[in-house]
Amino acid sequence: MMAKEITVQEKNIPPRVLMVDYEPDRTEVLTMGLELKGGFRLDTFNDPKDALLHFRPDFYVLLLSDIKMPHLNGFELRSKIKM
């Protein structure tokens, strides 16, 4: 008999979202809304290179990213992460 895989929801752990936006004010406002009202846990980064350094596969349920960012745009970030 195979063991049942326990999902994040079954463990009562809020789903994690990776948010990357060059504007700190935007990440702060969205974090407050999504964590307090949406029941999510957000990891926010204002530099896409930092987000790549801290990214962990199979950890996040969603990536929210600005498109126009210095050093690495949102499309390039998404292709490097491959969620």
Protein backbone atom coordinates (compact mmCIF):
# COMPACT_ATOMS: atom_id res chain seq x y z
CA MET A 1 0.00 0.00 0.00
CA MET A 2 1.38 3.40 -0.98
CA ALA A 3 1.54 6.24 1.52
CA LYS A 4 -0.77 9.15 0.77
CA GLU A 5 0.98 12.38 -0.11
CA ILE A 6 -0.11 15.12 2.28
CA THR A 7 -0.86 18.41 0.58
CA VAL A 8 -0.10 21.86 1.92
CA GLN A 9 -3.80 22.45 2.56
CA GLU A 10 -4.07 19.25 4.61
CA LYS A 11 -1.20 20.41 6.83
CA ASN A 12 -2.99 23.74 7.42
CA ILE A 13 0.02 25.59 6.06
CA PRO A 14 -0.85 28.68 4.04
CA PRO A 15 0.11 28.42 0.37
CA ARG A 16 3.30 30.33 -0.44
CA VAL A 17 3.55 32.96 -3.14
CA LEU A 18 6.76 34.38 -4.58
CA MET A 19 6.34 38.08 -5.38
CA VAL A 20 8.99 40.11 -7.22
CA ASP A 21 8.55 43.81 -7.90
CA TYR A 22 11.11 46.57 -8.13
CA GLU A 23 8.82 48.94 -6.18
CA PRO A 24 9.01 48.25 -2.40
CA ASP A 25 5.76 50.13 -1.75
CA ARG A 26 3.88 47.84 -4.12
CA THR A 27 5.20 44.64 -2.57
CA GLU A 28 4.36 45.93 0.90
CA VAL A 29 0.74 46.77 0.03
CA LEU A 30 0.15 43.52 -1.86
CA THR A 31 1.72 41.50 0.96
CA MET A 32 -0.61 43.01 3.53
CA GLY A 33 -3.66 42.27 1.40
CA LEU A 34 -2.75 38.75 0.35
CA GLU A 35 -1.53 37.62 3.76
CA LEU A 36 -4.21 39.23 5.91
CA LYS A 37 -7.23 38.77 3.68
CA GLY A 38 -6.18 36.02 1.28
CA GLY A 39 -4.58 33.54 3.67
CA PHE A 40 -1.36 33.31 1.69
CA ARG A 41 2.23 33.48 2.89
CA LEU A 42 4.33 35.77 0.68
CA ASP A 43 8.06 35.88 0.11
CA THR A 44 8.77 39.25 -1.49
CA PHE A 45 11.82 40.51 -3.31
CA ASN A 46 12.55 43.87 -4.88
CA ASP A 47 15.43 42.56 -6.97
CA PRO A 48 14.81 39.63 -9.33
CA LYS A 49 18.38 38.39 -8.85
CA ASP A 50 17.73 38.03 -5.11
CA ALA A 51 14.52 36.15 -5.87
CA LEU A 52 16.48 33.68 -8.02
CA LEU A 53 19.03 33.13 -5.26
CA HIS A 54 16.31 32.28 -2.73
CA PHE A 55 13.97 30.36 -5.03
CA ARG A 56 13.17 26.76 -4.05
CA PRO A 57 11.50 24.41 -6.53
CA ASP A 58 8.10 22.94 -5.59
CA PHE A 59 7.74 25.43 -2.73
CA TYR A 60 5.54 28.15 -4.24
CA VAL A 61 2.05 27.86 -5.66
CA LEU A 62 2.22 31.15 -7.55
CA LEU A 63 4.71 33.66 -8.95
CA LEU A 64 3.65 37.33 -9.04
CA SER A 65 6.16 39.43 -10.90
CA ASP A 66 6.47 42.87 -12.39
CA ILE A 67 7.40 42.78 -16.06
CA LYS A 68 9.66 45.84 -16.28
CA MET A 69 12.50 45.49 -13.78
CA PRO A 70 16.17 46.36 -14.04
CA HIS A 71 18.73 43.57 -14.50
CA LEU A 72 16.12 40.90 -15.31
CA ASN A 73 12.57 41.41 -16.59
CA GLY A 74 9.59 39.35 -15.45
CA PHE A 75 9.63 37.07 -18.50
CA GLU A 76 13.34 36.30 -18.06
CA LEU A 77 12.78 35.62 -14.36
CA ARG A 78 9.95 33.20 -15.13
CA SER A 79 12.03 31.31 -17.68
CA LYS A 80 14.91 30.93 -15.23
CA ILE A 81 12.63 29.75 -12.41
CA LYS A 82 10.53 27.29 -14.44
CA MET A 83 7.83 26.86 -11.80
